[in-house]
PDB file of N, CA and C in Angstrom:
ATOM      1  N   MET A   1       0.437  -1.008   0.006  1.00  0.00           N
ATOM      2  CA  MET A   1       0.512  -0.126   0.176  1.00  0.00           C
ATOM      3  C   MET A   1       0.723   1.301  -0.184  1.00  0.00           C
ATOM      4  N   ALA A   2       1.857   0.862   0.381  1.00  0.00           N
ATOM      5  CA  ALA A   2       2.873   3.017   0.984  1.00  0.00           C
ATOM      6  C   ALA A   2       3.599   2.985  -0.325  1.00  0.00           C
ATOM      7  N   LEU A   3       3.515   2.152  -1.423  1.00  0.00           N
ATOM      8  CA  LEU A   3       4.599   2.448  -2.810  1.00  0.00           C
ATOM      9  C   LEU A   3       3.342   3.040  -3.695  1.00  0.00           C
ATOM     10  N   PRO A   4       1.908   2.710  -3.972  1.00  0.00           N
ATOM     11  CA  PRO A   4       0.865   3.331  -4.504  1.00  0.00           C
ATOM     12  C   PRO A   4       0.666   4.478  -3.959  1.00  0.00           C
ATOM     13  N   ALA A   5       0.720   4.384  -2.902  1.00  0.00           N
ATOM     14  CA  ALA A   5       0.216   5.932  -1.830  1.00  0.00           C
ATOM     15  C   ALA A   5       1.232   7.459  -2.357  1.00  0.00           C
ATOM     16  N   THR A   6       2.297   6.792  -2.460  1.00  0.00           N
ATOM     17  CA  THR A   6       3.183   7.357  -2.441  1.00  0.00           C
ATOM     18  C   THR A   6       3.464   7.916  -3.700  1.00  0.00           C
ATOM     19  N   GLY A   7       3.558   7.488  -4.252  1.00  0.00           N
ATOM     20  CA  GLY A   7       2.984   7.855  -5.911  1.00  0.00           C
ATOM     21  C   GLY A   7       1.534   9.223  -5.846  1.00  0.00           C
ATOM     22  N   GLY A   8       0.702   9.157  -5.532  1.00  0.00           N
ATOM     23  CA  GLY A   8      -0.587   9.605  -5.418  1.00  0.00           C
ATOM     24  C   GLY A   8       0.042  11.055  -4.502  1.00  0.00           C
ATOM     25  N   LEU A   9       0.876  11.063  -3.384  1.00  0.00           N
ATOM     26  CA  LEU A   9       0.875  12.107  -2.602  1.00  0.00           C
ATOM     27  C   LEU A   9       1.549  12.681  -3.833  1.00  0.00           C
ATOM     28  N   ILE A  10       3.409  12.186  -3.861  1.00  0.00           N
ATOM     29  CA  ILE A  10       4.239  13.224  -5.098  1.00  0.00           C
ATOM     30  C   ILE A  10       3.551  13.948  -6.618  1.00  0.00           C
ATOM     31  N   ARG A  11       2.220  13.295  -6.688  1.00  0.00           N
ATOM     32  CA  ARG A  11       1.411  13.580  -7.835  1.00  0.00           C
ATOM     33  C   ARG A  11       0.740  14.608  -7.678  1.00  0.00           C
ATOM     34  N   LEU A  12       0.315  14.524  -6.711  1.00  0.00           N
ATOM     35  CA  LEU A  12      -0.996  15.742  -6.086  1.00  0.00           C
ATOM     36  C   LEU A  12      -0.357  17.105  -5.009  1.00  0.00           C
ATOM     37  N   PHE A  13       1.017  16.642  -4.034  1.00  0.00           N
ATOM     38  CA  PHE A  13       1.350  17.834  -3.475  1.00  0.00           C
ATOM     39  C   PHE A  13       2.765  17.592  -4.220  1.00  0.00           C
ATOM     40  N   GLY A  14       4.102  17.091  -4.265  1.00  0.00           N
ATOM     41  CA  GLY A  14       5.214  17.619  -4.988  1.00  0.00           C
ATOM     42  C   GLY A  14       6.469  16.495  -4.233  1.00  0.00           C
ATOM     43  N   PHE A  15       7.351  16.335  -4.570  1.00  0.00           N
ATOM     44  CA  PHE A  15       8.246  15.567  -4.397  1.00  0.00           C
ATOM     45  C   PHE A  15       8.438  16.268  -2.509  1.00  0.00           C
ATOM     46  N   LYS A  16       8.947  17.243  -2.578  1.00  0.00           N
ATOM     47  CA  LYS A  16       9.347  17.548  -1.175  1.00  0.00           C
ATOM     48  C   LYS A  16       7.935  16.955  -0.191  1.00  0.00           C
ATOM     49  N   CYS A  17       7.139  17.677  -0.549  1.00  0.00           N
ATOM     50  CA  CYS A  17       5.387  17.592   0.614  1.00  0.00           C
ATOM     51  C   CYS A  17       5.305  15.898   0.679  1.00  0.00           C
ATOM     52  N   ALA A  18       5.940  14.695  -0.246  1.00  0.00           N
ATOM     53  CA  ALA A  18       5.424  13.746  -0.234  1.00  0.00           C
ATOM     54  C   ALA A  18       6.441  12.694   0.961  1.00  0.00           C
ATOM     55  N   ALA A  19       8.007  13.577   0.105  1.00  0.00           N
ATOM     56  CA  ALA A  19       8.962  13.214   1.534  1.00  0.00           C
ATOM     57  C   ALA A  19       9.162  13.221   2.450  1.00  0.00           C
ATOM     58  N   HIS A  20       8.414  14.687   3.194  1.00  0.00           N
ATOM     59  CA  HIS A  20       8.287  15.145   4.585  1.00  0.00           C
ATOM     60  C   HIS A  20       7.180  14.292   4.893  1.00  0.00           C
ATOM     61  N   PHE A  21       6.088  14.268   4.238  1.00  0.00           N
ATOM     62  CA  PHE A  21       5.125  13.383   4.842  1.00  0.00           C
ATOM     63  C   PHE A  21       5.488  11.719   5.095  1.00  0.00           C
ATOM     64  N   CYS A  22       6.111  10.957   4.271  1.00  0.00           N
ATOM     65  CA  CYS A  22       6.578   9.240   4.473  1.00  0.00           C
ATOM     66  C   CYS A  22       7.601   9.622   5.852  1.00  0.00           C
ATOM     67  N   ASP A  23       8.037  10.834   5.688  1.00  0.00           N
ATOM     68  CA  ASP A  23       9.106  11.075   7.196  1.00  0.00           C
ATOM     69  C   ASP A  23       7.993  10.526   8.037  1.00  0.00           C
ATOM     70  N   ARG A  24       7.494  12.202   8.674  1.00  0.00           N
ATOM     71  CA  ARG A  24       6.745  12.081   9.809  1.00  0.00           C
ATOM     72  C   ARG A  24       5.655  10.995   9.762  1.00  0.00           C
ATOM     73  N   LEU A  25       5.610  10.091   8.732  1.00  0.00           N
ATOM     74  CA  LEU A  25       4.409   8.608   8.494  1.00  0.00           C
ATOM     75  C   LEU A  25       5.212   7.561   9.571  1.00  0.00           C
ATOM     76  N   ALA A  26       6.255   7.610   9.215  1.00  0.00           N
ATOM     77  CA  ALA A  26       7.385   6.766  10.152  1.00  0.00           C
ATOM     78  C   ALA A  26       8.017   7.095  10.957  1.00  0.00           C
ATOM     79  N   GLY A  27       7.582   8.021  11.422  1.00  0.00           N
ATOM     80  CA  GLY A  27       8.269   8.496  12.890  1.00  0.00           C
ATOM     81  C   GLY A  27      10.063   8.410  12.824  1.00  0.00           C
ATOM     82  N   ARG A  28      10.471   9.011  13.845  1.00  0.00           N
ATOM     83  CA  ARG A  28      12.423   8.700  13.775  1.00  0.00           C
ATOM     84  C   ARG A  28      12.538   8.527  14.974  1.00  0.00           C
ATOM     85  N   ALA A  29      13.397   7.752  14.964  1.00  0.00           N
ATOM     86  CA  ALA A  29      13.756   7.266  15.739  1.00  0.00           C
ATOM     87  C   ALA A  29      15.600   8.260  16.526  1.00  0.00           C
ATOM     88  N   PRO A  30      15.618   8.211  17.441  1.00  0.00           N
ATOM     89  CA  PRO A  30      17.329   8.669  17.319  1.00  0.00           C
ATOM     90  C   PRO A  30      18.235   8.199  16.288  1.00  0.00           C
ATOM     91  N   LEU A  31      19.526   8.694  15.646  1.00  0.00           N
ATOM     92  CA  LEU A  31      20.285   7.658  15.009  1.00  0.00           C
ATOM     93  C   LEU A  31      21.352   6.912  15.571  1.00  0.00           C
ATOM     94  N   ARG A  32      21.914   6.171  15.280  1.00  0.00           N
ATOM     95  CA  ARG A  32      22.515   5.240  15.635  1.00  0.00           C
ATOM     96  C   ARG A  32      23.607   5.141  14.618  1.00  0.00           C
ATOM     97  N   PRO A  33      24.536   4.646  15.257  1.00  0.00           N
ATOM     98  CA  PRO A  33      25.752   3.624  14.597  1.00  0.00           C
ATOM     99  C   PRO A  33      25.349   2.550  13.220  1.00  0.00           C
ATOM    100  N   THR A  34      25.522   2.078  12.319  1.00  0.00           N
ATOM    101  CA  THR A  34      25.145   1.883  11.033  1.00  0.00           C
ATOM    102  C   THR A  34      25.600   0.569  11.213  1.00  0.00           C
ATOM    103  N   SER A  35      25.059  -0.887  11.237  1.00  0.00           N
ATOM    104  CA  SER A  35      26.501  -1.604  11.377  1.00  0.00           C
ATOM    105  C   SER A  35      26.228  -3.342   9.685  1.00  0.00           C
ATOM    106  N   ALA A  36      26.785  -3.862   9.923  1.00  0.00           N
ATOM    107  CA  ALA A  36      26.742  -4.340   8.677  1.00  0.00           C
ATOM    108  C   ALA A  36      25.945  -5.295   8.759  1.00  0.00           C
ATOM    109  N   GLN A  37      25.191  -5.481   9.837  1.00  0.00           N
ATOM    110  CA  GLN A  37      23.183  -6.148   9.999  1.00  0.00           C
ATOM    111  C   GLN A  37      22.286  -5.017   9.171  1.00  0.00           C
ATOM    112  N   ASP A  38      22.562  -4.001  10.051  1.00  0.00           N
ATOM    113  CA  ASP A  38      22.001  -3.116   8.765  1.00  0.00           C
ATOM    114  C   ASP A  38      21.371  -2.884   7.704  1.00  0.00           C
ATOM    115  N   LEU A  39      22.968  -3.048   7.182  1.00  0.00           N
ATOM    116  CA  LEU A  39      22.984  -2.720   5.306  1.00  0.00           C
ATOM    117  C   LEU A  39      22.962  -3.390   4.944  1.00  0.00           C
ATOM    118  N   GLY A  40      22.950  -4.727   5.276  1.00  0.00           N
ATOM    119  CA  GLY A  40      22.038  -6.356   4.472  1.00  0.00           C
ATOM    120  C   GLY A  40      20.999  -5.877   4.546  1.00  0.00           C
ATOM    121  N   GLU A  41      20.562  -5.326   5.523  1.00  0.00           N
ATOM    122  CA  GLU A  41      18.985  -5.000   5.885  1.00  0.00           C
ATOM    123  C   GLU A  41      18.086  -4.254   5.165  1.00  0.00           C
ATOM    124  N   ALA A  42      19.104  -3.329   4.851  1.00  0.00           N
ATOM    125  CA  ALA A  42      18.109  -2.052   4.075  1.00  0.00           C
ATOM    126  C   ALA A  42      18.323  -3.031   2.183  1.00  0.00           C
ATOM    127  N   GLU A  43      19.383  -2.899   2.704  1.00  0.00           N
ATOM    128  CA  GLU A  43      19.234  -4.014   1.071  1.00  0.00           C
ATOM    129  C   GLU A  43      18.542  -4.914   0.556  1.00  0.00           C
ATOM    130  N   SER A  44      18.292  -5.659   1.668  1.00  0.00           N
ATOM    131  CA  SER A  44      17.391  -6.507   1.764  1.00  0.00           C
ATOM    132  C   SER A  44      16.135  -6.184   1.126  1.00  0.00           C
ATOM    133  N   LEU A  45      15.754  -4.658   1.869  1.00  0.00           N
ATOM    134  CA  LEU A  45      14.040  -4.207   1.832  1.00  0.00           C
ATOM    135  C   LEU A  45      14.432  -3.457   0.705  1.00  0.00           C
ATOM    136  N   ALA A  46      15.707  -2.401  -0.156  1.00  0.00           N
ATOM    137  CA  ALA A  46      15.553  -1.975  -0.325  1.00  0.00           C
ATOM    138  C   ALA A  46      15.006  -3.069  -2.114  1.00  0.00           C
ATOM    139  N   ARG A  47      15.498  -4.217  -2.086  1.00  0.00           N
ATOM    140  CA  ARG A  47      15.557  -5.240  -2.853  1.00  0.00           C
ATOM    141  C   ARG A  47      13.548  -5.719  -3.347  1.00  0.00           C
ATOM    142  N   LEU A  48      13.349  -5.724  -1.966  1.00  0.00           N
ATOM    143  CA  LEU A  48      11.733  -6.200  -1.546  1.00  0.00           C
ATOM    144  C   LEU A  48      11.128  -4.728  -2.214  1.00  0.00           C
ATOM    145  N   ALA A  49      11.319  -4.241  -2.257  1.00  0.00           N
ATOM    146  CA  ALA A  49      10.295  -2.390  -2.192  1.00  0.00           C
ATOM    147  C   ALA A  49      10.359  -2.855  -4.227  1.00  0.00           C
ATOM    148  N   GLY A  50      11.704  -3.039  -4.581  1.00  0.00           N
ATOM    149  CA  GLY A  50      11.834  -3.564  -6.262  1.00  0.00           C
ATOM    150  C   GLY A  50      10.968  -3.903  -6.699  1.00  0.00           C
ATOM    151  N   ILE A  51      10.884  -5.211  -5.776  1.00  0.00           N
ATOM    152  CA  ILE A  51       9.861  -6.122  -6.128  1.00  0.00           C
ATOM    153  C   ILE A  51       8.357  -6.150  -6.235  1.00  0.00           C
ATOM    154  N   ALA A  52       8.539  -5.336  -5.108  1.00  0.00           N
ATOM    155  CA  ALA A  52       6.937  -4.833  -5.365  1.00  0.00           C
ATOM    156  C   ALA A  52       6.485  -3.563  -5.873  1.00  0.00           C
ATOM    157  N   GLY A  53       7.624  -2.562  -6.761  1.00  0.00           N
ATOM    158  CA  GLY A  53       7.100  -1.475  -7.812  1.00  0.00           C
ATOM    159  C   GLY A  53       6.832  -2.384  -8.893  1.00  0.00           C
ATOM    160  N   ARG A  54       7.436  -3.608  -9.004  1.00  0.00           N
ATOM    161  CA  ARG A  54       7.162  -4.518 -10.533  1.00  0.00           C
ATOM    162  C   ARG A  54       5.960  -5.268 -10.737  1.00  0.00           C
ATOM    163  N   ARG A  55       6.091  -5.828  -9.875  1.00  0.00           N
ATOM    164  CA  ARG A  55       4.609  -6.869  -9.859  1.00  0.00           C
ATOM    165  C   ARG A  55       3.420  -6.313  -8.897  1.00  0.00           C
ATOM    166  N   GLY A  56       3.939  -5.468  -7.972  1.00  0.00           N
ATOM    167  CA  GLY A  56       2.697  -5.386  -7.552  1.00  0.00           C
ATOM    168  C   GLY A  56       1.503  -4.299  -8.835  1.00  0.00           C
ATOM    169  N   PRO A  57      -0.479  -4.317  -7.978  1.00  0.00           N
ATOM    170  CA  PRO A  57      -0.695  -3.629  -8.776  1.00  0.00           C
ATOM    171  C   PRO A  57      -0.835  -2.361  -9.634  1.00  0.00           C
ATOM    172  N   VAL A  58       0.522  -1.393  -9.126  1.00  0.00           N
ATOM    173  CA  VAL A  58       0.768  -0.420  -9.510  1.00  0.00           C
ATOM    174  C   VAL A  58       1.703  -0.610  -9.749  1.00  0.00           C
ATOM    175  N   SER A  59       2.469  -0.468 -10.875  1.00  0.00           N
ATOM    176  CA  SER A  59       4.037  -0.294 -11.892  1.00  0.00           C
ATOM    177  C   SER A  59       4.490   1.255 -11.085  1.00  0.00           C
ATOM    178  N   VAL A  60       5.619   0.689 -10.033  1.00  0.00           N
ATOM    179  CA  VAL A  60       5.789   2.046  -9.004  1.00  0.00           C
ATOM    180  C   VAL A  60       7.469   2.044  -9.556  1.00  0.00           C
ATOM    181  N   SER A  61       7.836   3.727 -10.257  1.00  0.00           N
ATOM    182  CA  SER A  61       9.294   4.213 -10.061  1.00  0.00           C
ATOM    183  C   SER A  61       9.826   4.120  -8.864  1.00  0.00           C
ATOM    184  N   CYS A  62      11.169   4.022  -9.680  1.00  0.00           N
ATOM    185  CA  CYS A  62      12.599   4.116  -8.208  1.00  0.00           C
ATOM    186  C   CYS A  62      12.712   5.358  -7.355  1.00  0.00           C
ATOM    187  N   LEU A  63      11.683   6.412  -7.489  1.00  0.00           N
ATOM    188  CA  LEU A  63      11.884   7.224  -6.895  1.00  0.00           C
ATOM    189  C   LEU A  63      10.320   6.772  -5.802  1.00  0.00           C
ATOM    190  N   ARG A  64       9.656   6.430  -6.336  1.00  0.00           N
ATOM    191  CA  ARG A  64       8.797   5.996  -4.818  1.00  0.00           C
ATOM    192  C   ARG A  64       9.345   5.090  -4.029  1.00  0.00           C
ATOM    193  N   GLN A  65       9.656   4.220  -4.886  1.00  0.00           N
ATOM    194  CA  GLN A  65      10.461   2.931  -4.093  1.00  0.00           C
ATOM    195  C   GLN A  65      11.665   3.836  -2.547  1.00  0.00           C
ATOM    196  N   ALA A  66      11.910   4.317  -3.479  1.00  0.00           N
ATOM    197  CA  ALA A  66      13.497   4.964  -2.137  1.00  0.00           C
ATOM    198  C   ALA A  66      12.904   5.498  -1.207  1.00  0.00           C
ATOM    199  N   LEU A  67      11.732   6.944  -1.545  1.00  0.00           N
ATOM    200  CA  LEU A  67      11.112   7.319  -0.507  1.00  0.00           C
ATOM    201  C   LEU A  67      10.099   6.371   0.200  1.00  0.00           C
ATOM    202  N   VAL A  68       9.948   5.297  -0.411  1.00  0.00           N
ATOM    203  CA  VAL A  68       9.500   4.458   1.360  1.00  0.00           C
ATOM    204  C   VAL A  68      10.514   3.801   2.068  1.00  0.00           C
ATOM    205  N   VAL A  69      11.402   3.826   0.966  1.00  0.00           N
ATOM    206  CA  VAL A  69      12.712   2.271   2.067  1.00  0.00           C
ATOM    207  C   VAL A  69      13.151   3.552   2.619  1.00  0.00           C
ATOM    208  N   ARG A  70      13.388   4.742   2.534  1.00  0.00           N
ATOM    209  CA  ARG A  70      13.869   5.665   3.139  1.00  0.00           C
ATOM    210  C   ARG A  70      13.673   6.622   4.622  1.00  0.00           C
ATOM    211  N   ALA A  71      12.042   6.404   4.333  1.00  0.00           N
ATOM    212  CA  ALA A  71      11.128   6.361   5.529  1.00  0.00           C
ATOM    213  C   ALA A  71      11.478   5.038   6.933  1.00  0.00           C
ATOM    214  N   TRP A  72      11.090   4.408   6.205  1.00  0.00           N
ATOM    215  CA  TRP A  72      11.565   3.078   7.333  1.00  0.00           C
ATOM    216  C   TRP A  72      12.580   3.555   7.568  1.00  0.00           C
ATOM    217  N   LEU A  73      14.003   3.295   7.263  1.00  0.00           N
ATOM    218  CA  LEU A  73      15.240   3.233   7.613  1.00  0.00           C
ATOM    219  C   LEU A  73      15.446   4.517   8.797  1.00  0.00           C
ATOM    220  N   ARG A  74      14.416   5.526   8.247  1.00  0.00           N
ATOM    221  CA  ARG A  74      14.391   7.018   9.105  1.00  0.00           C
ATOM    222  C   ARG A  74      13.659   6.718  10.215  1.00  0.00           C
ATOM    223  N   GLY A  75      12.846   6.077  10.228  1.00  0.00           N
ATOM    224  CA  GLY A  75      11.942   5.343  11.565  1.00  0.00           C
ATOM    225  C   GLY A  75      12.491   4.116  12.295  1.00  0.00           C
ATOM    226  N   HIS A  76      14.121   3.634  11.651  1.00  0.00           N
ATOM    227  CA  HIS A  76      14.472   2.893  12.237  1.00  0.00           C
ATOM    228  C   HIS A  76      16.324   2.939  12.876  1.00  0.00           C
ATOM    229  N   GLY A  77      16.457   4.615  12.814  1.00  0.00           N
ATOM    230  CA  GLY A  77      17.324   5.244  13.478  1.00  0.00           C
ATOM    231  C   GLY A  77      18.642   5.314  12.422  1.00  0.00           C
ATOM    232  N   LEU A  78      18.285   5.106  11.393  1.00  0.00           N
ATOM    233  CA  LEU A  78      19.175   4.680  10.327  1.00  0.00           C
ATOM    234  C   LEU A  78      19.543   6.012   9.672  1.00  0.00           C
ATOM    235  N   ASP A  79      20.695   6.981   9.404  1.00  0.00           N
ATOM    236  CA  ASP A  79      20.765   7.713   8.385  1.00  0.00           C
ATOM    237  C   ASP A  79      20.303   7.741   6.633  1.00  0.00           C
ATOM    238  N   ALA A  80      19.605   7.936   6.355  1.00  0.00           N
ATOM    239  CA  ALA A  80      19.208   7.306   4.893  1.00  0.00           C
ATOM    240  C   ALA A  80      19.098   8.621   4.005  1.00  0.00           C
ATOM    241  N   PRO A  81      20.284   9.417   3.882  1.00  0.00           N
ATOM    242  CA  PRO A  81      20.217  10.489   2.681  1.00  0.00           C
ATOM    243  C   PRO A  81      20.060   9.751   1.311  1.00  0.00           C
ATOM    244  N   LEU A  82      18.938  10.496   0.854  1.00  0.00           N
ATOM    245  CA  LEU A  82      18.366  10.371  -0.947  1.00  0.00           C
ATOM    246  C   LEU A  82      19.272  10.952  -1.617  1.00  0.00           C
ATOM    247  N   LYS A  83      19.913  10.586  -2.607  1.00  0.00           N
ATOM    248  CA  LYS A  83      20.401  10.884  -3.765  1.00  0.00           C
ATOM    249  C   LYS A  83      19.719  11.169  -4.698  1.00  0.00           C
ATOM    250  N   ILE A  84      19.363  12.094  -5.586  1.00  0.00           N
ATOM    251  CA  ILE A  84      18.484  11.705  -7.049  1.00  0.00           C
ATOM    252  C   ILE A  84      19.683  12.197  -8.361  1.00  0.00           C
ATOM    253  N   GLY A  85      19.632  11.550  -9.484  1.00  0.00           N
ATOM    254  CA  GLY A  85      20.641  11.550 -10.253  1.00  0.00           C
ATOM    255  C   GLY A  85      21.608  10.634 -10.672  1.00  0.00           C
ATOM    256  N   ARG A  86      22.021  10.295 -10.887  1.00  0.00           N
ATOM    257  CA  ARG A  86      22.896   9.517 -11.609  1.00  0.00           C
ATOM    258  C   ARG A  86      24.423   9.835 -11.533  1.00  0.00           C
ATOM    259  N   ARG A  87      25.389   8.763 -11.329  1.00  0.00           N
ATOM    260  CA  ARG A  87      26.716   9.292 -10.811  1.00  0.00           C
ATOM    261  C   ARG A  87      27.067   8.978 -12.673  1.00  0.00           C
ATOM    262  N   ARG A  88      27.775  10.214 -13.431  1.00  0.00           N
ATOM    263  CA  ARG A  88      28.898   9.838 -14.415  1.00  0.00           C
ATOM    264  C   ARG A  88      30.125   9.208 -14.570  1.00  0.00           C
TER     265      ARG A  88
END
């Protein structure tokens, strides 16, 4: 449900507002150091978001997937900066 809803938020209110809403909805735990296990879990979550984005009832772009994963990570106390664009 989070992926299609995030897409609707971006279309209705724009990226900044959607990102802020996702962050507030997920809550914000105090930041803590990132462990190797956290990185593995973050990669698994990103992979699952990609699968859900491709195979769900609504196809979802990587931007929407990134916002949902970022909100989840921040809600669990992990710093998750979002970088838009691609490396050359």
